[in-house]
Amino acid sequence: FGVWIIADRLGLSAVLCLVAFTITIARYAAVMVRPR
């Protein structure tokens, strides 16, 4: 929710901001997040 709100307040595309954020996070999730 925070990424969306900040992007929206800055007048940027909240959708593309959240998509870029999520896809980037997903690339490192295997080593960044514990399996459980």
PDB file of all heavy atoms in Angstrom:
ATOM      1  N   PHE A   1       0.827  -1.208   0.000  1.00  0.00           N
ATOM      2  CA  PHE A   1       0.000   0.000   0.000  1.00  0.00           C
ATOM      3  C   PHE A   1       0.867   1.267   0.000  1.00  0.00           C
ATOM      4  O   PHE A   1       0.519   2.264  -0.637  1.00  0.00           O
ATOM      5  CB  PHE A   1      -0.922   0.008   1.217  1.00  0.00           C
ATOM      6  CG  PHE A   1      -1.933  -1.104   1.209  1.00  0.00           C
ATOM      7  CD1 PHE A   1      -2.012  -2.003   2.254  1.00  0.00           C
ATOM      8  CD2 PHE A   1      -2.815  -1.257   0.151  1.00  0.00           C
ATOM      9  CE1 PHE A   1      -2.941  -3.030   2.252  1.00  0.00           C
ATOM     10  CE2 PHE A   1      -3.753  -2.277   0.137  1.00  0.00           C
ATOM     11  CZ  PHE A   1      -3.811  -3.174   1.195  1.00  0.00           C
ATOM     12  N   GLY A   2       1.996   1.215   0.734  1.00  0.00           N
ATOM     13  CA  GLY A   2       2.853   2.396   0.832  1.00  0.00           C
ATOM     14  C   GLY A   2       3.469   2.786  -0.492  1.00  0.00           C
ATOM     15  O   GLY A   2       3.522   3.983  -0.833  1.00  0.00           O
ATOM     16  N   VAL A   3       3.956   1.812  -1.252  1.00  0.00           N
ATOM     17  CA  VAL A   3       4.550   2.103  -2.562  1.00  0.00           C
ATOM     18  C   VAL A   3       3.514   2.749  -3.472  1.00  0.00           C
ATOM     19  O   VAL A   3       3.807   3.726  -4.183  1.00  0.00           O
ATOM     20  CB  VAL A   3       5.115   0.807  -3.186  1.00  0.00           C
ATOM     21  CG1 VAL A   3       5.431   1.004  -4.654  1.00  0.00           C
ATOM     22  CG2 VAL A   3       6.365   0.358  -2.441  1.00  0.00           C
ATOM     23  N   TRP A   4       2.302   2.210  -3.480  1.00  0.00           N
ATOM     24  CA  TRP A   4       1.229   2.774  -4.314  1.00  0.00           C
ATOM     25  C   TRP A   4       0.959   4.230  -3.919  1.00  0.00           C
ATOM     26  O   TRP A   4       0.889   5.122  -4.771  1.00  0.00           O
ATOM     27  CB  TRP A   4      -0.033   1.936  -4.169  1.00  0.00           C
ATOM     28  CG  TRP A   4      -1.221   2.486  -4.909  1.00  0.00           C
ATOM     29  CD1 TRP A   4      -1.940   3.623  -4.616  1.00  0.00           C
ATOM     30  CD2 TRP A   4      -1.821   1.943  -6.088  1.00  0.00           C
ATOM     31  NE1 TRP A   4      -2.945   3.815  -5.522  1.00  0.00           N
ATOM     32  CE2 TRP A   4      -2.907   2.805  -6.435  1.00  0.00           C
ATOM     33  CE3 TRP A   4      -1.568   0.818  -6.868  1.00  0.00           C
ATOM     34  CZ2 TRP A   4      -3.716   2.550  -7.538  1.00  0.00           C
ATOM     35  CZ3 TRP A   4      -2.385   0.573  -7.962  1.00  0.00           C
ATOM     36  CH2 TRP A   4      -3.437   1.430  -8.294  1.00  0.00           C
ATOM     37  N   ILE A   5       0.774   4.466  -2.609  1.00  0.00           N
ATOM     38  CA  ILE A   5       0.394   5.798  -2.131  1.00  0.00           C
ATOM     39  C   ILE A   5       1.479   6.828  -2.440  1.00  0.00           C
ATOM     40  O   ILE A   5       1.196   7.940  -2.907  1.00  0.00           O
ATOM     41  CB  ILE A   5       0.092   5.751  -0.618  1.00  0.00           C
ATOM     42  CG1 ILE A   5      -1.180   4.933  -0.368  1.00  0.00           C
ATOM     43  CG2 ILE A   5      -0.054   7.166  -0.054  1.00  0.00           C
ATOM     44  CD1 ILE A   5      -1.451   4.665   1.095  1.00  0.00           C
ATOM     45  N   ILE A   6       2.740   6.474  -2.203  1.00  0.00           N
ATOM     46  CA  ILE A   6       3.834   7.423  -2.458  1.00  0.00           C
ATOM     47  C   ILE A   6       3.925   7.757  -3.941  1.00  0.00           C
ATOM     48  O   ILE A   6       4.061   8.925  -4.329  1.00  0.00           O
ATOM     49  CB  ILE A   6       5.166   6.848  -1.943  1.00  0.00           C
ATOM     50  CG1 ILE A   6       5.140   6.739  -0.406  1.00  0.00           C
ATOM     51  CG2 ILE A   6       6.342   7.713  -2.393  1.00  0.00           C
ATOM     52  CD1 ILE A   6       6.339   6.033   0.180  1.00  0.00           C
ATOM     53  N   ALA A   7       3.840   6.734  -4.802  1.00  0.00           N
ATOM     54  CA  ALA A   7       3.896   6.976  -6.243  1.00  0.00           C
ATOM     55  C   ALA A   7       2.730   7.861  -6.685  1.00  0.00           C
ATOM     56  O   ALA A   7       2.903   8.776  -7.497  1.00  0.00           O
ATOM     57  CB  ALA A   7       3.880   5.650  -7.002  1.00  0.00           C
ATOM     58  N   ASP A   8       1.551   7.585  -6.140  1.00  0.00           N
ATOM     59  CA  ASP A   8       0.378   8.370  -6.505  1.00  0.00           C
ATOM     60  C   ASP A   8       0.525   9.826  -6.058  1.00  0.00           C
ATOM     61  O   ASP A   8       0.178  10.756  -6.791  1.00  0.00           O
ATOM     62  CB  ASP A   8      -0.865   7.739  -5.884  1.00  0.00           C
ATOM     63  CG  ASP A   8      -2.144   8.429  -6.320  1.00  0.00           C
ATOM     64  OD1 ASP A   8      -2.414   8.465  -7.534  1.00  0.00           O
ATOM     65  OD2 ASP A   8      -2.880   8.937  -5.441  1.00  0.00           O
ATOM     66  N   ARG A   9       1.052  10.041  -4.849  1.00  0.00           N
ATOM     67  CA  ARG A   9       1.233  11.409  -4.346  1.00  0.00           C
ATOM     68  C   ARG A   9       2.273  12.174  -5.167  1.00  0.00           C
ATOM     69  O   ARG A   9       2.198  13.395  -5.292  1.00  0.00           O
ATOM     70  CB  ARG A   9       1.659  11.370  -2.883  1.00  0.00           C
ATOM     71  CG  ARG A   9       0.589  10.859  -1.936  1.00  0.00           C
ATOM     72  CD  ARG A   9      -0.588  11.810  -1.845  1.00  0.00           C
ATOM     73  NE  ARG A   9      -1.648  11.315  -1.010  1.00  0.00           N
ATOM     74  CZ  ARG A   9      -1.724  11.477   0.302  1.00  0.00           C
ATOM     75  NH1 ARG A   9      -0.740  12.129   0.933  1.00  0.00           N
ATOM     76  NH2 ARG A   9      -2.747  11.003   0.978  1.00  0.00           N
ATOM     77  N   LEU A  10       3.224  11.447  -5.743  1.00  0.00           N
ATOM     78  CA  LEU A  10       4.251  12.090  -6.565  1.00  0.00           C
ATOM     79  C   LEU A  10       3.800  12.300  -8.007  1.00  0.00           C
ATOM     80  O   LEU A  10       4.545  12.837  -8.829  1.00  0.00           O
ATOM     81  CB  LEU A  10       5.539  11.260  -6.553  1.00  0.00           C
ATOM     82  CG  LEU A  10       6.270  11.165  -5.212  1.00  0.00           C
ATOM     83  CD1 LEU A  10       7.464  10.226  -5.323  1.00  0.00           C
ATOM     84  CD2 LEU A  10       6.727  12.553  -4.750  1.00  0.00           C
ATOM     85  N   GLY A  11       2.587  11.877  -8.319  1.00  0.00           N
ATOM     86  CA  GLY A  11       2.076  12.033  -9.672  1.00  0.00           C
ATOM     87  C   GLY A  11       2.612  11.023 -10.659  1.00  0.00           C
ATOM     88  O   GLY A  11       2.532  11.228 -11.873  1.00  0.00           O
ATOM     89  N   LEU A  12       3.146   9.903 -10.164  1.00  0.00           N
ATOM     90  CA  LEU A  12       3.687   8.854 -11.032  1.00  0.00           C
ATOM     91  C   LEU A  12       2.679   7.715 -11.161  1.00  0.00           C
ATOM     92  O   LEU A  12       1.687   7.661 -10.435  1.00  0.00           O
ATOM     93  CB  LEU A  12       5.009   8.338 -10.456  1.00  0.00           C
ATOM     94  CG  LEU A  12       6.093   9.386 -10.237  1.00  0.00           C
ATOM     95  CD1 LEU A  12       7.315   8.763  -9.582  1.00  0.00           C
ATOM     96  CD2 LEU A  12       6.478  10.065 -11.545  1.00  0.00           C
ATOM     97  N   SER A  13       2.939   6.811 -12.082  1.00  0.00           N
ATOM     98  CA  SER A  13       2.044   5.673 -12.270  1.00  0.00           C
ATOM     99  C   SER A  13       2.195   4.701 -11.108  1.00  0.00           C
ATOM    100  O   SER A  13       3.212   4.012 -10.981  1.00  0.00           O
ATOM    101  CB  SER A  13       2.364   4.957 -13.592  1.00  0.00           C
ATOM    102  OG  SER A  13       1.638   3.743 -13.674  1.00  0.00           O
ATOM    103  N   ALA A  14       1.178   4.643 -10.247  1.00  0.00           N
ATOM    104  CA  ALA A  14       1.230   3.755  -9.095  1.00  0.00           C
ATOM    105  C   ALA A  14       1.252   2.288  -9.526  1.00  0.00           C
ATOM    106  O   ALA A  14       1.905   1.457  -8.891  1.00  0.00           O
ATOM    107  CB  ALA A  14       0.033   4.025  -8.178  1.00  0.00           C
ATOM    108  N   VAL A  15       0.552   1.983 -10.615  1.00  0.00           N
ATOM    109  CA  VAL A  15       0.513   0.595 -11.093  1.00  0.00           C
ATOM    110  C   VAL A  15       1.890   0.143 -11.553  1.00  0.00           C
ATOM    111  O   VAL A  15       2.397  -0.904 -11.137  1.00  0.00           O
ATOM    112  CB  VAL A  15      -0.513   0.443 -12.227  1.00  0.00           C
ATOM    113  CG1 VAL A  15      -0.435  -0.951 -12.832  1.00  0.00           C
ATOM    114  CG2 VAL A  15      -1.913   0.709 -11.713  1.00  0.00           C
ATOM    115  N   LEU A  16       2.519   0.915 -12.439  1.00  0.00           N
ATOM    116  CA  LEU A  16       3.838   0.527 -12.939  1.00  0.00           C
ATOM    117  C   LEU A  16       4.883   0.537 -11.828  1.00  0.00           C
ATOM    118  O   LEU A  16       5.803  -0.291 -11.826  1.00  0.00           O
ATOM    119  CB  LEU A  16       4.264   1.467 -14.062  1.00  0.00           C
ATOM    120  CG  LEU A  16       3.509   1.305 -15.383  1.00  0.00           C
ATOM    121  CD1 LEU A  16       4.010   2.305 -16.417  1.00  0.00           C
ATOM    122  CD2 LEU A  16       3.649  -0.119 -15.917  1.00  0.00           C
ATOM    123  N   CYS A  17       4.747   1.452 -10.891  1.00  0.00           N
ATOM    124  CA  CYS A  17       5.664   1.478  -9.751  1.00  0.00           C
ATOM    125  C   CYS A  17       5.552   0.182  -8.948  1.00  0.00           C
ATOM    126  O   CYS A  17       6.567  -0.429  -8.592  1.00  0.00           O
ATOM    127  CB  CYS A  17       5.348   2.682  -8.865  1.00  0.00           C
ATOM    128  SG  CYS A  17       6.444   2.858  -7.434  1.00  0.00           S
ATOM    129  N   LEU A  18       4.320  -0.260  -8.695  1.00  0.00           N
ATOM    130  CA  LEU A  18       4.104  -1.471  -7.916  1.00  0.00           C
ATOM    131  C   LEU A  18       4.511  -2.717  -8.693  1.00  0.00           C
ATOM    132  O   LEU A  18       5.065  -3.670  -8.119  1.00  0.00           O
ATOM    133  CB  LEU A  18       2.629  -1.556  -7.501  1.00  0.00           C
ATOM    134  CG  LEU A  18       2.289  -2.419  -6.298  1.00  0.00           C
ATOM    135  CD1 LEU A  18       3.131  -2.042  -5.092  1.00  0.00           C
ATOM    136  CD2 LEU A  18       0.804  -2.300  -5.968  1.00  0.00           C
ATOM    137  N   VAL A  19       4.256  -2.730  -9.999  1.00  0.00           N
ATOM    138  CA  VAL A  19       4.680  -3.867 -10.829  1.00  0.00           C
ATOM    139  C   VAL A  19       6.198  -3.979 -10.840  1.00  0.00           C
ATOM    140  O   VAL A  19       6.765  -5.069 -10.654  1.00  0.00           O
ATOM    141  CB  VAL A  19       4.134  -3.718 -12.263  1.00  0.00           C
ATOM    142  CG1 VAL A  19       4.790  -4.735 -13.194  1.00  0.00           C
ATOM    143  CG2 VAL A  19       2.625  -3.907 -12.280  1.00  0.00           C
ATOM    144  N   ALA A  20       6.903  -2.855 -11.058  1.00  0.00           N
ATOM    145  CA  ALA A  20       8.367  -2.870 -11.064  1.00  0.00           C
ATOM    146  C   ALA A  20       8.910  -3.282  -9.707  1.00  0.00           C
ATOM    147  O   ALA A  20       9.872  -4.066  -9.613  1.00  0.00           O
ATOM    148  CB  ALA A  20       8.896  -1.487 -11.450  1.00  0.00           C
ATOM    149  N   PHE A  21       8.314  -2.770  -8.642  1.00  0.00           N
ATOM    150  CA  PHE A  21       8.730  -3.125  -7.288  1.00  0.00           C
ATOM    151  C   PHE A  21       8.582  -4.631  -7.041  1.00  0.00           C
ATOM    152  O   PHE A  21       9.508  -5.296  -6.569  1.00  0.00           O
ATOM    153  CB  PHE A  21       7.891  -2.339  -6.278  1.00  0.00           C
ATOM    154  CG  PHE A  21       8.062  -2.781  -4.848  1.00  0.00           C
ATOM    155  CD1 PHE A  21       9.158  -2.359  -4.106  1.00  0.00           C
ATOM    156  CD2 PHE A  21       7.137  -3.610  -4.248  1.00  0.00           C
ATOM    157  CE1 PHE A  21       9.320  -2.762  -2.791  1.00  0.00           C
ATOM    158  CE2 PHE A  21       7.282  -4.024  -2.937  1.00  0.00           C
ATOM    159  CZ  PHE A  21       8.387  -3.594  -2.205  1.00  0.00           C
ATOM    160  N   THR A  22       7.428  -5.178  -7.398  1.00  0.00           N
ATOM    161  CA  THR A  22       7.142  -6.590  -7.115  1.00  0.00           C
ATOM    162  C   THR A  22       7.999  -7.526  -7.950  1.00  0.00           C
ATOM    163  O   THR A  22       8.542  -8.511  -7.442  1.00  0.00           O
ATOM    164  CB  THR A  22       5.654  -6.879  -7.375  1.00  0.00           C
ATOM    165  OG1 THR A  22       4.852  -5.960  -6.634  1.00  0.00           O
ATOM    166  CG2 THR A  22       5.308  -8.299  -6.955  1.00  0.00           C
ATOM    167  N   ILE A  23       8.137  -7.237  -9.246  1.00  0.00           N
ATOM    168  CA  ILE A  23       8.949  -8.105 -10.107  1.00  0.00           C
ATOM    169  C   ILE A  23      10.410  -8.087  -9.671  1.00  0.00           C
ATOM    170  O   ILE A  23      11.094  -9.126  -9.683  1.00  0.00           O
ATOM    171  CB  ILE A  23       8.801  -7.669 -11.579  1.00  0.00           C
ATOM    172  CG1 ILE A  23       7.395  -7.996 -12.084  1.00  0.00           C
ATOM    173  CG2 ILE A  23       9.832  -8.360 -12.447  1.00  0.00           C
ATOM    174  CD1 ILE A  23       7.143  -7.589 -13.517  1.00  0.00           C
ATOM    175  N   THR A  24      10.904  -6.918  -9.261  1.00  0.00           N
ATOM    176  CA  THR A  24      12.287  -6.836  -8.783  1.00  0.00           C
ATOM    177  C   THR A  24      12.467  -7.621  -7.496  1.00  0.00           C
ATOM    178  O   THR A  24      13.461  -8.352  -7.334  1.00  0.00           O
ATOM    179  CB  THR A  24      12.680  -5.366  -8.551  1.00  0.00           C
ATOM    180  OG1 THR A  24      12.462  -4.620  -9.754  1.00  0.00           O
ATOM    181  CG2 THR A  24      14.147  -5.251  -8.166  1.00  0.00           C
ATOM    182  N   ILE A  25      11.523  -7.511  -6.582  1.00  0.00           N
ATOM    183  CA  ILE A  25      11.593  -8.254  -5.326  1.00  0.00           C
ATOM    184  C   ILE A  25      11.545  -9.762  -5.582  1.00  0.00           C
ATOM    185  O   ILE A  25      12.267 -10.545  -4.955  1.00  0.00           O
ATOM    186  CB  ILE A  25      10.430  -7.840  -4.398  1.00  0.00           C
ATOM    187  CG1 ILE A  25      10.662  -6.428  -3.862  1.00  0.00           C
ATOM    188  CG2 ILE A  25      10.282  -8.814  -3.237  1.00  0.00           C
ATOM    189  CD1 ILE A  25      11.908  -6.277  -3.033  1.00  0.00           C
ATOM    190  N   ALA A  26      10.685 -10.176  -6.529  1.00  0.00           N
ATOM    191  CA  ALA A  26      10.529 -11.607  -6.815  1.00  0.00           C
ATOM    192  C   ALA A  26      11.827 -12.236  -7.301  1.00  0.00           C
ATOM    193  O   ALA A  26      12.080 -13.421  -7.067  1.00  0.00           O
ATOM    194  CB  ALA A  26       9.425 -11.811  -7.849  1.00  0.00           C
ATOM    195  N   ARG A  27      12.671 -11.465  -7.972  1.00  0.00           N
ATOM    196  CA  ARG A  27      13.937 -12.001  -8.488  1.00  0.00           C
ATOM    197  C   ARG A  27      14.875 -12.412  -7.359  1.00  0.00           C
ATOM    198  O   ARG A  27      15.705 -13.306  -7.527  1.00  0.00           O
ATOM    199  CB  ARG A  27      14.620 -10.960  -9.370  1.00  0.00           C
ATOM    200  CG  ARG A  27      13.872 -10.631 -10.643  1.00  0.00           C
ATOM    201  CD  ARG A  27      14.609  -9.576 -11.451  1.00  0.00           C
ATOM    202  NE  ARG A  27      15.937 -10.029 -11.848  1.00  0.00           N
ATOM    203  CZ  ARG A  27      16.851  -9.255 -12.415  1.00  0.00           C
ATOM    204  NH1 ARG A  27      16.571  -7.970 -12.635  1.00  0.00           N
ATOM    205  NH2 ARG A  27      18.033  -9.728 -12.752  1.00  0.00           N
ATOM    206  N   TYR A  28      14.759 -11.753  -6.205  1.00  0.00           N
ATOM    207  CA  TYR A  28      15.668 -12.035  -5.085  1.00  0.00           C
ATOM    208  C   TYR A  28      14.976 -12.773  -3.942  1.00  0.00           C
ATOM    209  O   TYR A  28      15.580 -12.988  -2.902  1.00  0.00           O
ATOM    210  CB  TYR A  28      16.251 -10.718  -4.554  1.00  0.00           C
ATOM    211  CG  TYR A  28      16.924  -9.879  -5.600  1.00  0.00           C
ATOM    212  CD1 TYR A  28      16.322  -8.728  -6.090  1.00  0.00           C
ATOM    213  CD2 TYR A  28      18.167 -10.236  -6.118  1.00  0.00           C
ATOM    214  CE1 TYR A  28      16.936  -7.947  -7.063  1.00  0.00           C
ATOM    215  CE2 TYR A  28      18.789  -9.469  -7.085  1.00  0.00           C
ATOM    216  CZ  TYR A  28      18.168  -8.331  -7.549  1.00  0.00           C
ATOM    217  OH  TYR A  28      18.777  -7.570  -8.516  1.00  0.00           O
ATOM    218  N   ALA A  29      13.699 -13.132  -4.124  1.00  0.00           N
ATOM    219  CA  ALA A  29      12.941 -13.721  -3.023  1.00  0.00           C
ATOM    220  C   ALA A  29      13.522 -15.052  -2.567  1.00  0.00           C
ATOM    221  O   ALA A  29      13.454 -15.399  -1.384  1.00  0.00           O
ATOM    222  CB  ALA A  29      11.480 -13.903  -3.432  1.00  0.00           C
ATOM    223  N   ALA A  30      14.099 -15.824  -3.494  1.00  0.00           N
ATOM    224  CA  ALA A  30      14.606 -17.144  -3.145  1.00  0.00           C
ATOM    225  C   ALA A  30      15.721 -17.076  -2.109  1.00  0.00           C
ATOM    226  O   ALA A  30      15.855 -17.965  -1.258  1.00  0.00           O
ATOM    227  CB  ALA A  30      15.106 -17.873  -4.391  1.00  0.00           C
ATOM    228  N   VAL A  31      16.540 -16.021  -2.158  1.00  0.00           N
ATOM    229  CA  VAL A  31      17.650 -15.901  -1.207  1.00  0.00           C
ATOM    230  C   VAL A  31      17.344 -14.888  -0.114  1.00  0.00           C
ATOM    231  O   VAL A  31      18.047 -14.823   0.888  1.00  0.00           O
ATOM    232  CB  VAL A  31      18.945 -15.479  -1.940  1.00  0.00           C
ATOM    233  CG1 VAL A  31      19.374 -16.565  -2.909  1.00  0.00           C
ATOM    234  CG2 VAL A  31      18.745 -14.161  -2.698  1.00  0.00           C
ATOM    235  N   MET A  32      16.296 -14.095  -0.310  1.00  0.00           N
ATOM    236  CA  MET A  32      15.997 -13.016   0.621  1.00  0.00           C
ATOM    237  C   MET A  32      15.001 -13.440   1.702  1.00  0.00           C
ATOM    238  O   MET A  32      15.005 -12.902   2.812  1.00  0.00           O
ATOM    239  CB  MET A  32      15.440 -11.827  -0.161  1.00  0.00           C
ATOM    240  CG  MET A  32      15.342 -10.530   0.595  1.00  0.00           C
ATOM    241  SD  MET A  32      14.939  -9.163  -0.535  1.00  0.00           S
ATOM    242  CE  MET A  32      13.394  -9.739  -1.225  1.00  0.00           C
ATOM    243  N   VAL A  33      14.122 -14.409   1.386  1.00  0.00           N
ATOM    244  CA  VAL A  33      13.037 -14.800   2.284  1.00  0.00           C
ATOM    245  C   VAL A  33      13.220 -16.254   2.692  1.00  0.00           C
ATOM    246  O   VAL A  33      13.539 -17.107   1.858  1.00  0.00           O
ATOM    247  CB  VAL A  33      11.666 -14.616   1.598  1.00  0.00           C
ATOM    248  CG1 VAL A  33      10.540 -15.007   2.539  1.00  0.00           C
ATOM    249  CG2 VAL A  33      11.495 -13.172   1.141  1.00  0.00           C
ATOM    250  N   ARG A  34      13.013 -16.535   3.956  1.00  0.00           N
ATOM    251  CA  ARG A  34      13.121 -17.910   4.437  1.00  0.00           C
ATOM    252  C   ARG A  34      11.976 -18.758   3.888  1.00  0.00           C
ATOM    253  O   ARG A  34      10.866 -18.258   3.690  1.00  0.00           O
ATOM    254  CB  ARG A  34      13.090 -17.929   5.964  1.00  0.00           C
ATOM    255  CG  ARG A  34      14.291 -17.246   6.609  1.00  0.00           C
ATOM    256  CD  ARG A  34      14.170 -17.254   8.118  1.00  0.00           C
ATOM    257  NE  ARG A  34      15.281 -16.523   8.745  1.00  0.00           N
ATOM    258  CZ  ARG A  34      15.370 -16.307  10.049  1.00  0.00           C
ATOM    259  NH1 ARG A  34      14.407 -16.740  10.857  1.00  0.00           N
ATOM    260  NH2 ARG A  34      16.402 -15.645  10.533  1.00  0.00           N
ATOM    261  N   PRO A  35      12.240 -20.067   3.662  1.00  0.00           N
ATOM    262  CA  PRO A  35      11.200 -20.927   3.073  1.00  0.00           C
ATOM    263  C   PRO A  35       9.895 -20.932   3.853  1.00  0.00           C
ATOM    264  O   PRO A  35       8.815 -20.875   3.264  1.00  0.00           O
ATOM    265  CB  PRO A  35      11.862 -22.311   3.074  1.00  0.00           C
ATOM    266  CG  PRO A  35      13.325 -22.037   3.047  1.00  0.00           C
ATOM    267  CD  PRO A  35      13.517 -20.780   3.825  1.00  0.00           C
ATOM    268  N   ARG A  36       9.974 -20.992   5.187  1.00  0.00           N
ATOM    269  CA  ARG A  36       8.747 -21.045   5.982  1.00  0.00           C
ATOM    270  C   ARG A  36       7.930 -19.781   5.792  1.00  0.00           C
ATOM    271  O   ARG A  36       6.701 -19.838   5.642  1.00  0.00           O
ATOM    272  CB  ARG A  36       9.079 -21.224   7.463  1.00  0.00           C
ATOM    273  CG  ARG A  36       7.850 -21.246   8.351  1.00  0.00           C
ATOM    274  CD  ARG A  36       8.226 -21.442   9.802  1.00  0.00           C
ATOM    275  NE  ARG A  36       8.890 -22.717   9.995  1.00  0.00           N
ATOM    276  CZ  ARG A  36       9.255 -23.176  11.187  1.00  0.00           C
ATOM    277  NH1 ARG A  36       9.030 -22.466  12.269  1.00  0.00           N
ATOM    278  NH2 ARG A  36       9.865 -24.346  11.301  1.00  0.00           N
TER     279      ARG A  36
END
